[in-house]
């Protein structure tokens, strides 16, 4: 489902099939070897590549923000 309001951000996929093929740094989602945003240095990884497939789920074991052990 996509937003029908012009100028709004695209829906962000939670677990894309091949995240390594796309740069996730902006709403353009360019191919990794043909970035149009002007970055040019390297692609931005999808959070699933960094944190795993459950990256969007809350961490129930966390103490909460700002708490130190």
Protein backbone atom coordinates (compact mmCIF):
# COMPACT_ATOMS: atom_id res chain seq x y z
CA UNK A 1 0.00 0.00 0.00
CA UNK A 2 1.43 3.35 -1.02
CA UNK A 3 0.48 6.81 0.03
CA UNK A 4 -1.56 8.74 -2.53
CA UNK A 5 -0.44 12.14 -1.24
CA UNK A 6 2.12 13.73 -3.58
CA UNK A 7 5.49 14.46 -1.98
CA UNK A 8 5.21 11.92 0.83
CA UNK A 9 7.85 9.30 1.48
CA UNK A 10 7.66 5.83 -0.02
CA UNK A 11 6.66 2.94 2.20
CA UNK A 12 9.83 1.45 3.70
CA UNK A 13 10.09 -2.34 3.23
CA UNK A 14 10.79 -4.24 6.46
CA UNK A 15 12.59 -7.23 4.93
CA UNK A 16 13.33 -6.79 1.21
CA UNK A 17 14.38 -9.84 -0.79
CA UNK A 18 17.78 -8.45 -1.92
CA UNK A 19 18.63 -5.39 0.21
CA UNK A 20 22.26 -5.43 -0.98
CA UNK A 21 21.18 -4.35 -4.47
CA UNK A 22 19.73 -0.99 -3.33
CA UNK A 23 20.97 2.11 -1.53
CA UNK A 24 18.57 2.92 1.34
CA UNK A 25 19.93 6.41 2.08
CA UNK A 26 16.94 8.37 0.73
CA UNK A 27 13.51 7.91 -0.82
CA UNK A 28 14.95 7.23 -4.28
CA UNK A 29 16.06 3.64 -3.48
CA UNK A 30 18.64 3.69 -6.31
CA UNK A 31 20.51 0.63 -7.55
CA UNK A 32 23.70 0.22 -5.53
CA UNK A 33 25.90 0.84 -8.58
CA UNK A 34 23.95 3.83 -9.95
CA UNK A 35 23.08 6.22 -7.10
CA UNK A 36 21.34 9.41 -8.21
CA UNK A 37 21.48 11.30 -4.89
CA UNK A 38 25.08 12.42 -5.37
CA UNK A 39 26.46 10.35 -2.49
CA UNK A 40 28.75 8.42 -4.81
CA UNK A 41 30.98 6.96 -2.11
CA UNK A 42 29.04 3.93 -0.90
CA UNK A 43 25.50 2.69 -0.47
CA UNK A 44 23.54 2.98 2.76
CA UNK A 45 22.71 -0.46 4.13
CA UNK A 46 19.17 -1.55 4.99
CA UNK A 47 18.65 -1.94 8.78
CA UNK A 48 17.99 -5.68 8.27
CA UNK A 49 21.56 -6.03 6.95
CA UNK A 50 22.95 -4.42 10.09
CA UNK A 51 20.61 -5.56 12.88
CA UNK A 52 19.00 -8.72 11.46
CA UNK A 53 15.53 -9.57 10.17
CA UNK A 54 13.80 -8.55 13.41
CA UNK A 55 15.32 -5.03 13.40
CA UNK A 56 11.91 -3.30 13.64
CA UNK A 57 10.67 -5.24 16.68
CA UNK A 58 11.08 -3.64 20.13
CA UNK A 59 13.72 -5.08 22.45
CA UNK A 60 11.75 -6.39 25.43
CA UNK A 61 14.95 -6.97 27.42
CA UNK A 62 16.03 -3.33 27.21
CA UNK A 63 15.85 -1.26 30.39
CA UNK A 64 14.57 1.79 28.57
CA UNK A 65 16.07 4.97 27.20
CA UNK A 66 18.63 6.81 29.28
CA UNK A 67 19.09 4.18 31.96
CA UNK A 68 22.57 3.10 33.00
CA UNK A 69 23.22 -0.31 34.57
